[in-house]
Protein backbone atom coordinates (compact mmCIF):
# COMPACT_ATOMS: atom_id res chain seq x y z
CA MET A 1 -0.13 0.64 0.01
CA VAL A 2 2.52 2.47 0.39
CA VAL A 3 4.53 1.01 -2.08
CA ILE A 4 1.57 2.46 -4.48
CA LEU A 5 0.77 5.67 -2.62
CA ILE A 6 5.10 6.81 -3.14
CA THR A 7 4.73 5.34 -5.99
CA ILE A 8 1.85 8.04 -6.97
CA VAL A 9 3.95 10.98 -5.91
CA HIS A 10 6.88 9.76 -7.81
CA VAL A 11 5.14 9.97 -10.85
CA VAL A 12 3.14 13.69 -9.69
CA VAL A 13 6.29 14.41 -9.07
CA CYS A 14 7.68 14.00 -12.58
CA LEU A 15 4.73 15.51 -14.26
CA PHE A 16 5.22 18.96 -12.43
CA LEU A 17 8.98 18.80 -12.55
CA ALA A 18 8.80 18.03 -16.83
CA ILE A 19 6.68 20.80 -16.67
CA VAL A 20 8.21 23.57 -14.63
CA VAL A 21 11.41 22.56 -16.11
CA LEU A 22 9.59 23.83 -19.92
CA LEU A 23 7.62 26.72 -19.19
CA GLN A 24 11.31 27.73 -17.89
CA SER A 25 12.86 29.96 -19.87
CA GLY A 26 16.79 30.24 -20.69
CA LYS A 27 19.55 32.87 -18.88
CA ALA A 28 20.45 33.87 -22.07
CA ALA A 29 17.08 34.20 -23.82
CA ASP A 30 16.86 38.00 -25.78
CA LEU A 31 18.82 38.51 -28.52
CA ALA A 32 21.98 38.53 -27.89
CA GLY A 33 21.61 35.49 -25.84
CA ALA A 34 21.42 34.11 -29.77
CA PHE A 35 24.87 35.51 -30.79
CA GLY A 36 27.17 33.89 -28.01
CA GLY A 37 26.69 37.57 -26.16
CA MET A 38 26.24 37.92 -22.25
CA GLY A 39 24.53 40.60 -20.27
CA SER A 40 27.29 40.50 -18.03
CA GLN A 41 30.74 40.09 -18.03
CA THR A 42 30.20 37.79 -15.39
CA VAL A 43 31.54 34.44 -16.14
CA PHE A 44 27.83 32.11 -16.12
CA GLY A 45 26.31 35.17 -16.68
CA PRO A 46 23.98 37.22 -15.62
CA ARG A 47 22.78 36.16 -12.48
CA GLY A 48 18.80 37.70 -10.72
CA SER A 49 16.59 36.44 -8.24
CA ALA A 50 15.33 33.28 -8.18
CA THR A 51 12.17 33.09 -9.65
CA VAL A 52 9.00 30.59 -8.46
CA LEU A 53 9.78 28.72 -11.32
CA SER A 54 13.38 28.16 -10.38
CA LYS A 55 12.32 27.87 -6.70
CA ALA A 56 9.24 24.66 -7.58
CA THR A 57 12.29 23.69 -10.10
CA THR A 58 14.24 22.81 -6.98
CA ILE A 59 11.86 21.48 -4.87
CA ALA A 60 10.22 19.12 -7.31
CA ALA A 61 13.98 18.32 -8.21
CA ALA A 62 13.92 17.30 -4.34
CA LEU A 63 11.14 15.55 -4.37
CA PHE A 64 12.21 13.66 -6.82
CA MET A 65 15.35 12.55 -6.06
CA VAL A 66 13.55 11.72 -2.03
CA THR A 67 10.77 9.15 -4.29
CA SER A 68 13.48 8.10 -5.80
CA LEU A 69 15.54 6.44 -3.23
CA THR A 70 12.72 5.32 -1.49
CA LEU A 71 10.98 3.30 -4.19
CA SER A 72 14.39 1.52 -4.18
CA ILE A 73 14.76 0.76 -0.78
CA LEU A 74 10.94 0.18 -0.77
CA SER A 75 12.04 -2.84 -3.48
CA THR A 76 15.11 -3.95 -2.33
CA ARG A 77 14.19 -4.75 0.94
CA ALA A 78 10.77 -6.58 -0.69
CA GLY A 79 12.41 -8.49 -2.80
CA LYS A 80 13.11 -11.55 -2.77
CA ALA A 81 16.77 -12.70 -3.26
CA SER A 82 17.11 -15.53 -6.14
CA PRO A 83 19.85 -18.33 -5.44
CA ALA A 84 22.95 -17.89 -7.30
CA LEU A 85 23.86 -20.07 -9.87
CA PHE A 86 25.58 -22.74 -8.64
CA GLN A 87 23.36 -23.14 -5.28
CA LYS A 88 19.51 -24.48 -7.57
CA VAL A 89 18.60 -28.12 -7.40
CA VAL A 90 18.84 -29.96 -10.62
CA PRO A 91 15.89 -32.09 -10.20
CA VAL A 92 17.21 -35.88 -11.44
CA THR A 93 15.37 -37.43 -14.42
CA GLN A 94 15.47 -40.74 -15.52
CA GLN A 95 17.43 -41.21 -19.41
CA LYS A 96 16.30 -41.99 -22.28
CA GLY A 97 16.68 -45.07 -22.07
CA GLY A 98 14.10 -45.72 -19.35
CA ALA A 99 17.54 -46.71 -16.82
CA ALA A 100 16.50 -44.31 -14.17
CA ALA A 101 20.64 -42.51 -13.39
CA PRO A 102 22.39 -43.32 -9.88
CA ALA A 103 21.12 -40.57 -7.20
CA GLY A 104 22.72 -37.06 -7.07
CA THR A 105 24.22 -37.81 -11.65
CA ILE A 106 22.95 -36.33 -14.31
CA PRO A 107 23.51 -37.58 -17.86
CA MET A 108 26.58 -36.10 -20.28
CA THR A 109 28.22 -36.51 -23.08
CA VAL A 110 31.66 -34.96 -23.67
CA THR A 111 33.69 -35.74 -26.95
CA PRO A 112 37.41 -35.82 -25.21
CA GLU A 113 40.22 -35.21 -27.80
CA VAL A 114 43.51 -37.36 -28.27
CA GLY A 115 46.84 -36.37 -29.58
CA GLY A 116 44.79 -33.44 -31.04
CA LYS A 117 42.19 -35.19 -32.57
CA ALA A 118 38.22 -35.48 -31.21
CA GLY A 119 37.51 -38.98 -29.97
CA ALA A 120 34.68 -40.89 -29.46
CA PRO A 121 31.54 -39.25 -27.95
CA GLN A 122 31.06 -40.39 -24.40
CA THR A 123 27.96 -40.62 -22.16
CA ILE A 124 29.32 -40.10 -18.14
CA GLN A 125 27.34 -39.57 -15.17
CA VAL A 126 28.82 -35.97 -13.71
CA PRO A 127 27.16 -35.23 -9.76
CA VAL A 128 24.28 -32.06 -9.50
CA ASN A 129 25.47 -30.22 -6.55
CA GLN A 130 22.54 -30.78 -4.02
CA ALA A 131 21.22 -27.98 -2.20
CA PRO A 132 22.73 -27.10 1.27
CA PRO A 133 21.08 -28.30 4.07
CA PRO A 134 20.06 -25.97 5.60
CA GLN A 135 21.83 -24.59 8.82
CA LYS A 136 20.94 -24.39 12.36
CA GLN A 137 21.05 -21.24 14.28
CA ASN A 138 22.81 -21.42 17.77
CA GLN A 139 20.96 -20.63 20.53
CA LYS A 140 21.55 -17.97 22.98
CA LYS A 141 20.52 -19.44 27.20
C-alpha cells in the first residue's frame, strides 16, 4: 500500500518537474544570447533573483530524488533474493533408455581430444550440486 502511494506521488512529481522545466526561459533568452553575447561580464552570465519557477524546480527535483531513493529501498527490501547459479537444485530425471540415473547424477555427453584429434563421444554421469542442508542457528541460553 505504501509503495503504491509513493509511486503515485513519484509520477505526479515527475510530470510536474517536466512541466516546470519546460516553462522556464533560458538565462540568455534575449537577442544577444542568440549570438553568444552575455548581458554581463560574469563567468556564468547574469544572475537574477530566484523566480517562482526556479524555486518550484528545486523543490520538485528534491522530491524526485527522495521518492526515487524511497522506492529503490522499498523494492530492494521487499524483493526475494534468488539463489546463486551454482546453488540451484536440479531435479534428477530418467535417461532416455528408461534406466534411472544413479542418485545425484545426470548424464552428460562429452567428446574427448586424443592427440589433438577428437575422439569418440562418450556419455558420463556427472554429480549434481545438491542444495546445502539447512543451517542450525545457535541459540544462546
